[in-house]
Amino acid sequence: MERHTPGEPVDMEKHTPGEPVDMEKHTPGEPVDMERHTPGEPLHMERHTPGEPVDLNAVAVVCRRAWNAVEPRDRTEMKSPAQTVIIHHTALRFCAQPRESVSQLAHIQHMHVQERGFDDIGYNFLISGDGTVYEGRGWGIVGAHAKEHNLNSVGIAFMGNFNNEMPSSSSLSALLRLLHIGVLHGHVRPDFVLVGHRDVAKTECPGKNVYALLPKLRDELQKL
């Protein structure tokens, strides 16, 4: 934080993930390194090739404040680490740029709160096509993403319609990093179960192309 000059604008296109950011002057949508264990080392999620080692001790998370989230009407804390991780897709336009992701996040929160009557955006986290993780309700807060399964689960949504699109390797790597951090910090049980929304409800979510990758993701998680 102290390396950033207060008042100096942050160039979204030139910013390197992992670079300190002055939150008071932070541009909405710019990744903030929330859980970094190797300070100063940049993240190059978009360059990750499937099969290559993934640095699981680092994940860039854009906090709620950074994407201008509206304060929740209410919050319910989880009583224990999540037993299940439920994967979703937003079924909206694919997002791979910070500004379009932030715009869509605001739309999703408004839809969930104003149209569906939720207390907040329903998901705990959302992942864009460039591998950026956005904080929804965050860790340890009961979500509203899978009816009758919210109390003991974390809901993570890929931003896009994955009946039509293929998820990027960056977004899949980001999911693995996020889940590793969740277990490491006690937010998710080490023996958690990874499922798709369609496994617990009558829906096409998380889209056929993401759902088809869940077995491979489970295999990758077993290696962690």
C-alpha atoms as a PDB file:
ATOM      1  CA  MET A   1       0.000   0.000   0.000  1.00  0.00           C
ATOM      2  CA  GLU A   2       2.733   2.421   1.031  1.00  0.00           C
ATOM      3  CA  ARG A   3       4.397   2.330  -2.406  1.00  0.00           C
ATOM      4  CA  HIS A   4       1.368   3.874  -4.126  1.00  0.00           C
ATOM      5  CA  THR A   5       1.269   7.691  -4.244  1.00  0.00           C
ATOM      6  CA  PRO A   6      -2.108   8.939  -2.860  1.00  0.00           C
ATOM      7  CA  GLY A   7      -4.112  10.604  -5.585  1.00  0.00           C
ATOM      8  CA  GLU A   8      -2.177   8.968  -8.388  1.00  0.00           C
ATOM      9  CA  PRO A   9      -4.572   7.163 -10.759  1.00  0.00           C
ATOM     10  CA  VAL A  10      -4.191   3.434 -11.298  1.00  0.00           C
ATOM     11  CA  ASP A  11      -3.927   2.398 -14.955  1.00  0.00           C
ATOM     12  CA  MET A  12      -6.227  -0.628 -15.218  1.00  0.00           C
ATOM     13  CA  GLU A  13      -4.614  -1.899 -18.393  1.00  0.00           C
ATOM     14  CA  LYS A  14      -1.030  -1.622 -17.088  1.00  0.00           C
ATOM     15  CA  HIS A  15      -1.521  -2.755 -13.506  1.00  0.00           C
ATOM     16  CA  THR A  16       0.296  -5.942 -12.531  1.00  0.00           C
ATOM     17  CA  PRO A  17      -1.712  -8.207 -10.189  1.00  0.00           C
ATOM     18  CA  GLY A  18       0.071  -8.324  -6.837  1.00  0.00           C
ATOM     19  CA  GLU A  19       1.212  -4.680  -7.044  1.00  0.00           C
ATOM     20  CA  PRO A  20       0.189  -2.723  -3.922  1.00  0.00           C
ATOM     21  CA  VAL A  21      -2.929  -0.620  -4.361  1.00  0.00           C
ATOM     22  CA  ASP A  22      -4.115   2.361  -2.316  1.00  0.00           C
ATOM     23  CA  MET A  23      -7.668   1.332  -1.473  1.00  0.00           C
ATOM     24  CA  GLU A  24      -8.732   4.911  -0.938  1.00  0.00           C
ATOM     25  CA  LYS A  25      -7.878   5.634  -4.568  1.00  0.00           C
ATOM     26  CA  HIS A  26      -8.582   2.157  -5.892  1.00  0.00           C
ATOM     27  CA  THR A  27     -10.282   1.839  -9.257  1.00  0.00           C
ATOM     28  CA  PRO A  28     -13.344  -0.467  -9.162  1.00  0.00           C
ATOM     29  CA  GLY A  29     -12.598  -3.835 -10.710  1.00  0.00           C
ATOM     30  CA  GLU A  30      -8.832  -3.828 -10.220  1.00  0.00           C
ATOM     31  CA  PRO A  31      -7.593  -7.026  -8.546  1.00  0.00           C
ATOM     32  CA  VAL A  32      -6.483  -6.668  -4.930  1.00  0.00           C
ATOM     33  CA  ASP A  33      -4.179  -9.408  -3.666  1.00  0.00           C
ATOM     34  CA  MET A  34      -6.009 -10.501  -0.538  1.00  0.00           C
ATOM     35  CA  GLU A  35      -4.321 -13.801   0.336  1.00  0.00           C
ATOM     36  CA  ARG A  36      -0.792 -13.567  -1.031  1.00  0.00           C
ATOM     37  CA  HIS A  37       1.890 -15.662   0.646  1.00  0.00           C
ATOM     38  CA  THR A  38       4.754 -14.521  -1.623  1.00  0.00           C
ATOM     39  CA  PRO A  39       4.600 -10.701  -1.493  1.00  0.00           C
ATOM     40  CA  GLY A  40       5.692  -8.876  -4.596  1.00  0.00           C
ATOM     41  CA  GLU A  41       5.518 -11.839  -6.967  1.00  0.00           C
ATOM     42  CA  PRO A  42       3.132 -11.003  -9.828  1.00  0.00           C
ATOM     43  CA  LEU A  43       0.301 -13.340 -10.792  1.00  0.00           C
ATOM     44  CA  HIS A  44       0.063 -14.287 -14.442  1.00  0.00           C
ATOM     45  CA  MET A  45      -3.150 -16.276 -14.382  1.00  0.00           C
ATOM     46  CA  GLU A  46      -3.881 -15.645 -18.026  1.00  0.00           C
ATOM     47  CA  ARG A  47      -0.625 -17.350 -19.009  1.00  0.00           C
ATOM     48  CA  HIS A  48      -1.313 -20.591 -17.167  1.00  0.00           C
ATOM     49  CA  THR A  49      -1.348 -23.694 -19.349  1.00  0.00           C
ATOM     50  CA  PRO A  50      -3.469 -26.652 -18.196  1.00  0.00           C
ATOM     51  CA  GLY A  51      -1.189 -29.296 -16.717  1.00  0.00           C
ATOM     52  CA  GLU A  52       1.459 -26.834 -15.543  1.00  0.00           C
ATOM     53  CA  PRO A  53       2.021 -26.366 -11.793  1.00  0.00           C
ATOM     54  CA  VAL A  54      -0.243 -23.767 -10.219  1.00  0.00           C
ATOM     55  CA  ASP A  55       0.957 -21.526  -7.377  1.00  0.00           C
ATOM     56  CA  LEU A  56      -1.791 -22.459  -4.964  1.00  0.00           C
ATOM     57  CA  ASN A  57      -0.639 -20.106  -2.222  1.00  0.00           C
ATOM     58  CA  ALA A  58      -1.628 -16.993  -4.174  1.00  0.00           C
ATOM     59  CA  VAL A  59      -5.001 -15.749  -5.321  1.00  0.00           C
ATOM     60  CA  ALA A  60      -6.069 -12.272  -6.411  1.00  0.00           C
ATOM     61  CA  VAL A  61      -9.468 -11.287  -5.040  1.00  0.00           C
ATOM     62  CA  VAL A  62     -11.355  -8.100  -5.827  1.00  0.00           C
ATOM     63  CA  CYS A  63     -13.052  -7.146  -2.581  1.00  0.00           C
ATOM     64  CA  ARG A  64     -16.630  -5.882  -2.365  1.00  0.00           C
ATOM     65  CA  ARG A  65     -15.532  -2.328  -1.750  1.00  0.00           C
ATOM     66  CA  ALA A  66     -13.444  -2.336  -4.918  1.00  0.00           C
ATOM     67  CA  TRP A  67     -16.401  -3.234  -7.157  1.00  0.00           C
ATOM     68  CA  ASN A  68     -18.747  -0.853  -5.320  1.00  0.00           C
ATOM     69  CA  ALA A  69     -21.039  -3.508  -3.883  1.00  0.00           C
ATOM     70  CA  VAL A  70     -24.133  -2.270  -2.072  1.00  0.00           C
ATOM     71  CA  GLU A  71     -24.174  -3.125   1.628  1.00  0.00           C
ATOM     72  CA  PRO A  72     -26.189  -6.292   2.359  1.00  0.00           C
ATOM     73  CA  ARG A  73     -29.560  -6.064   4.023  1.00  0.00           C
ATOM     74  CA  ASP A  74     -28.510  -8.825   6.407  1.00  0.00           C
ATOM     75  CA  ARG A  75     -25.728 -11.381   6.890  1.00  0.00           C
ATOM     76  CA  THR A  76     -25.810 -14.848   8.423  1.00  0.00           C
ATOM     77  CA  GLU A  77     -22.514 -16.383   9.450  1.00  0.00           C
ATOM     78  CA  MET A  78     -21.844 -20.047   8.778  1.00  0.00           C
ATOM     79  CA  LYS A  79     -21.538 -22.132  11.923  1.00  0.00           C
ATOM     80  CA  SER A  80     -18.755 -24.346  10.606  1.00  0.00           C
ATOM     81  CA  PRO A  81     -16.492 -24.723   7.555  1.00  0.00           C
ATOM     82  CA  ALA A  82     -18.356 -25.453   4.332  1.00  0.00           C
ATOM     83  CA  GLN A  83     -18.877 -29.134   3.541  1.00  0.00           C
ATOM     84  CA  THR A  84     -19.812 -28.554  -0.093  1.00  0.00           C
ATOM     85  CA  VAL A  85     -18.649 -26.239  -2.868  1.00  0.00           C
ATOM     86  CA  ILE A  86     -21.363 -25.658  -5.458  1.00  0.00           C
ATOM     87  CA  ILE A  87     -20.286 -24.436  -8.889  1.00  0.00           C
ATOM     88  CA  HIS A  88     -22.561 -22.126 -10.874  1.00  0.00           C
ATOM     89  CA  HIS A  89     -22.527 -19.971 -13.958  1.00  0.00           C
ATOM     90  CA  THR A  90     -24.221 -16.600 -14.145  1.00  0.00           C
ATOM     91  CA  ALA A  91     -25.845 -17.523 -17.497  1.00  0.00           C
ATOM     92  CA  LEU A  92     -25.142 -13.962 -18.634  1.00  0.00           C
ATOM     93  CA  ARG A  93     -22.593 -12.445 -21.004  1.00  0.00           C
ATOM     94  CA  PHE A  94     -19.030 -13.750 -20.763  1.00  0.00           C
ATOM     95  CA  CYS A  95     -16.795 -11.255 -18.963  1.00  0.00           C
ATOM     96  CA  ALA A  96     -13.032 -11.055 -19.357  1.00  0.00           C
ATOM     97  CA  GLN A  97     -12.288  -7.361 -18.679  1.00  0.00           C
ATOM     98  CA  PRO A  98     -12.466  -5.642 -15.272  1.00  0.00           C
ATOM     99  CA  ARG A  99     -14.858  -2.861 -16.289  1.00  0.00           C
ATOM    100  CA  GLU A 100     -17.390  -5.180 -17.897  1.00  0.00           C
ATOM    101  CA  SER A 101     -17.094  -7.575 -14.950  1.00  0.00           C
ATOM    102  CA  VAL A 102     -17.788  -4.784 -12.449  1.00  0.00           C
ATOM    103  CA  SER A 103     -20.786  -3.642 -14.469  1.00  0.00           C
ATOM    104  CA  GLN A 104     -22.172  -7.166 -14.530  1.00  0.00           C
ATOM    105  CA  LEU A 105     -21.558  -7.654 -10.818  1.00  0.00           C
ATOM    106  CA  ALA A 106     -23.652  -4.570 -10.079  1.00  0.00           C
ATOM    107  CA  HIS A 107     -26.383  -5.928 -12.367  1.00  0.00           C
ATOM    108  CA  ILE A 108     -26.356  -9.339 -10.659  1.00  0.00           C
ATOM    109  CA  GLN A 109     -26.499  -7.821  -7.181  1.00  0.00           C
ATOM    110  CA  HIS A 110     -29.397  -5.569  -8.186  1.00  0.00           C
ATOM    111  CA  MET A 111     -31.239  -8.518  -9.754  1.00  0.00           C
ATOM    112  CA  HIS A 112     -30.728 -10.735  -6.709  1.00  0.00           C
ATOM    113  CA  VAL A 113     -31.744  -8.074  -4.194  1.00  0.00           C
ATOM    114  CA  GLN A 114     -34.450  -6.127  -6.004  1.00  0.00           C
ATOM    115  CA  GLU A 115     -36.033  -8.848  -8.133  1.00  0.00           C
ATOM    116  CA  ARG A 116     -35.458 -12.030  -6.134  1.00  0.00           C
ATOM    117  CA  GLY A 117     -35.625 -10.520  -2.663  1.00  0.00           C
ATOM    118  CA  PHE A 118     -32.218 -11.757  -1.500  1.00  0.00           C
ATOM    119  CA  ASP A 119     -30.309  -9.893   1.206  1.00  0.00           C
ATOM    120  CA  ASP A 120     -27.279  -9.556  -1.075  1.00  0.00           C
ATOM    121  CA  ILE A 121     -25.715 -10.985  -4.210  1.00  0.00           C
ATOM    122  CA  GLY A 122     -26.326 -14.705  -3.907  1.00  0.00           C
ATOM    123  CA  TYR A 123     -22.881 -16.141  -4.613  1.00  0.00           C
ATOM    124  CA  ASN A 124     -19.923 -16.222  -2.250  1.00  0.00           C
ATOM    125  CA  PHE A 125     -17.472 -15.608  -5.099  1.00  0.00           C
ATOM    126  CA  LEU A 126     -17.564 -15.017  -8.849  1.00  0.00           C
ATOM    127  CA  ILE A 127     -14.765 -15.686 -11.361  1.00  0.00           C
ATOM    128  CA  SER A 128     -14.348 -13.799 -14.629  1.00  0.00           C
ATOM    129  CA  GLY A 129     -12.765 -15.057 -17.827  1.00  0.00           C
ATOM    130  CA  ASP A 130      -9.432 -13.380 -17.086  1.00  0.00           C
ATOM    131  CA  GLY A 131      -9.060 -15.409 -13.885  1.00  0.00           C
ATOM    132  CA  THR A 132      -9.995 -12.604 -11.496  1.00  0.00           C
ATOM    133  CA  VAL A 133     -11.952 -13.651  -8.425  1.00  0.00           C
ATOM    134  CA  TYR A 134     -14.601 -11.218  -7.178  1.00  0.00           C
ATOM    135  CA  GLU A 135     -15.855 -11.327  -3.609  1.00  0.00           C
ATOM    136  CA  GLY A 136     -19.611 -11.810  -3.393  1.00  0.00           C
ATOM    137  CA  ARG A 137     -20.744 -12.656   0.122  1.00  0.00           C
ATOM    138  CA  GLY A 138     -17.251 -13.936   0.819  1.00  0.00           C
ATOM    139  CA  TRP A 139     -16.002 -16.643   3.169  1.00  0.00           C
ATOM    140  CA  GLY A 140     -17.996 -17.672   6.204  1.00  0.00           C
ATOM    141  CA  ILE A 141     -21.279 -16.093   5.105  1.00  0.00           C
ATOM    142  CA  VAL A 142     -24.340 -18.129   4.154  1.00  0.00           C
ATOM    143  CA  GLY A 143     -25.174 -17.557   0.492  1.00  0.00           C
ATOM    144  CA  ALA A 144     -28.377 -17.700  -1.543  1.00  0.00           C
ATOM    145  CA  HIS A 145     -27.359 -19.785  -4.525  1.00  0.00           C
ATOM    146  CA  ALA A 146     -28.782 -23.293  -4.043  1.00  0.00           C
ATOM    147  CA  LYS A 147     -32.068 -23.631  -2.190  1.00  0.00           C
ATOM    148  CA  GLU A 148     -31.937 -26.013   0.778  1.00  0.00           C
ATOM    149  CA  HIS A 149     -28.151 -26.318   0.413  1.00  0.00           C
ATOM    150  CA  ASN A 150     -26.933 -22.865   1.410  1.00  0.00           C
ATOM    151  CA  LEU A 151     -26.219 -23.366   5.101  1.00  0.00           C
ATOM    152  CA  ASN A 152     -23.217 -25.657   4.674  1.00  0.00           C
ATOM    153  CA  SER A 153     -21.927 -24.697   1.234  1.00  0.00           C
ATOM    154  CA  VAL A 154     -19.947 -22.096  -0.687  1.00  0.00           C
ATOM    155  CA  GLY A 155     -21.349 -20.960  -4.027  1.00  0.00           C
ATOM    156  CA  ILE A 156     -18.859 -19.967  -6.734  1.00  0.00           C
ATOM    157  CA  ALA A 157     -20.062 -18.708 -10.116  1.00  0.00           C
ATOM    158  CA  PHE A 158     -18.196 -18.480 -13.402  1.00  0.00           C
ATOM    159  CA  MET A 159     -19.211 -15.283 -15.185  1.00  0.00           C
ATOM    160  CA  GLY A 160     -20.764 -16.257 -18.516  1.00  0.00           C
ATOM    161  CA  ASN A 161     -23.131 -18.759 -20.101  1.00  0.00           C
ATOM    162  CA  PHE A 162     -21.236 -22.025 -20.270  1.00  0.00           C
ATOM    163  CA  ASN A 163     -23.806 -23.859 -22.275  1.00  0.00           C
ATOM    164  CA  ASN A 164     -22.346 -21.722 -25.064  1.00  0.00           C
ATOM    165  CA  GLU A 165     -18.860 -20.685 -23.916  1.00  0.00           C
ATOM    166  CA  MET A 166     -15.867 -22.705 -22.766  1.00  0.00           C
ATOM    167  CA  PRO A 167     -14.338 -21.632 -19.446  1.00  0.00           C
ATOM    168  CA  SER A 168     -10.824 -20.232 -19.707  1.00  0.00           C
ATOM    169  CA  SER A 169      -7.829 -21.998 -18.201  1.00  0.00           C
ATOM    170  CA  SER A 170      -7.257 -18.819 -16.165  1.00  0.00           C
ATOM    171  CA  SER A 171     -10.668 -19.075 -14.508  1.00  0.00           C
ATOM    172  CA  LEU A 172     -10.234 -22.788 -13.772  1.00  0.00           C
ATOM    173  CA  SER A 173      -6.808 -22.170 -12.235  1.00  0.00           C
ATOM    174  CA  ALA A 174      -8.293 -19.350 -10.157  1.00  0.00           C
ATOM    175  CA  LEU A 175     -10.943 -21.721  -8.810  1.00  0.00           C
ATOM    176  CA  LEU A 176      -8.276 -24.206  -7.692  1.00  0.00           C
ATOM    177  CA  ARG A 177      -6.307 -21.429  -6.005  1.00  0.00           C
ATOM    178  CA  LEU A 178      -9.385 -20.074  -4.259  1.00  0.00           C
ATOM    179  CA  LEU A 179     -10.428 -23.479  -2.937  1.00  0.00           C
ATOM    180  CA  HIS A 180      -6.904 -24.184  -1.703  1.00  0.00           C
ATOM    181  CA  ILE A 181      -6.929 -20.902   0.208  1.00  0.00           C
ATOM    182  CA  GLY A 182     -10.403 -21.714   1.555  1.00  0.00           C
ATOM    183  CA  VAL A 183      -9.166 -24.993   3.012  1.00  0.00           C
ATOM    184  CA  LEU A 184      -5.890 -23.481   4.216  1.00  0.00           C
ATOM    185  CA  HIS A 185      -7.716 -20.804   6.204  1.00  0.00           C
ATOM    186  CA  GLY A 186     -10.416 -23.086   7.602  1.00  0.00           C
ATOM    187  CA  HIS A 187     -13.332 -21.749   5.553  1.00  0.00           C
ATOM    188  CA  VAL A 188     -13.842 -25.066   3.737  1.00  0.00           C
ATOM    189  CA  ARG A 189     -13.432 -28.584   5.090  1.00  0.00           C
ATOM    190  CA  PRO A 190     -10.416 -30.481   3.727  1.00  0.00           C
ATOM    191  CA  ASP A 191     -12.756 -33.285   2.641  1.00  0.00           C
ATOM    192  CA  PHE A 192     -15.286 -30.981   0.955  1.00  0.00           C
ATOM    193  CA  VAL A 193     -17.377 -32.188  -1.980  1.00  0.00           C
ATOM    194  CA  LEU A 194     -17.308 -30.312  -5.298  1.00  0.00           C
ATOM    195  CA  VAL A 195     -20.626 -30.396  -7.178  1.00  0.00           C
ATOM    196  CA  GLY A 196     -22.447 -28.511  -9.879  1.00  0.00           C
ATOM    197  CA  HIS A 197     -25.684 -26.654  -9.193  1.00  0.00           C
ATOM    198  CA  ARG A 198     -27.524 -29.211 -11.340  1.00  0.00           C
ATOM    199  CA  ASP A 199     -26.467 -31.920  -8.866  1.00  0.00           C
ATOM    200  CA  VAL A 200     -28.635 -30.375  -6.148  1.00  0.00           C
ATOM    201  CA  ALA A 201     -31.410 -28.695  -8.154  1.00  0.00           C
ATOM    202  CA  LYS A 202     -33.336 -29.015 -11.413  1.00  0.00           C
ATOM    203  CA  THR A 203     -31.314 -26.626 -13.554  1.00  0.00           C
ATOM    204  CA  GLU A 204     -28.790 -26.541 -16.401  1.00  0.00           C
ATOM    205  CA  CYS A 205     -26.391 -24.560 -14.200  1.00  0.00           C
ATOM    206  CA  PRO A 206     -23.354 -24.396 -14.323  1.00  0.00           C
ATOM    207  CA  GLY A 207     -23.715 -25.025 -18.057  1.00  0.00           C
ATOM    208  CA  LYS A 208     -22.710 -28.206 -19.866  1.00  0.00           C
ATOM    209  CA  ASN A 209     -19.169 -27.068 -20.623  1.00  0.00           C
ATOM    210  CA  VAL A 210     -18.273 -26.279 -17.006  1.00  0.00           C
ATOM    211  CA  TYR A 211     -20.132 -29.304 -15.681  1.00  0.00           C
ATOM    212  CA  ALA A 212     -18.173 -31.597 -17.992  1.00  0.00           C
ATOM    213  CA  LEU A 213     -14.924 -30.372 -16.409  1.00  0.00           C
ATOM    214  CA  LEU A 214     -15.919 -31.051 -12.801  1.00  0.00           C
ATOM    215  CA  PRO A 215     -14.469 -34.598 -12.742  1.00  0.00           C
ATOM    216  CA  LYS A 216     -11.106 -33.247 -13.918  1.00  0.00           C
ATOM    217  CA  LEU A 217     -11.252 -30.474 -11.322  1.00  0.00           C
ATOM    218  CA  ARG A 218     -11.995 -33.036  -8.615  1.00  0.00           C
ATOM    219  CA  ASP A 219      -8.918 -34.989  -9.744  1.00  0.00           C
ATOM    220  CA  GLU A 220      -6.792 -31.839  -9.588  1.00  0.00           C
ATOM    221  CA  LEU A 221      -8.065 -31.073  -6.096  1.00  0.00           C
ATOM    222  CA  GLN A 222      -7.116 -34.557  -4.920  1.00  0.00           C
ATOM    223  CA  LYS A 223      -3.506 -33.785  -5.838  1.00  0.00           C
ATOM    224  CA  LEU A 224      -3.328 -30.658  -3.661  1.00  0.00           C
END
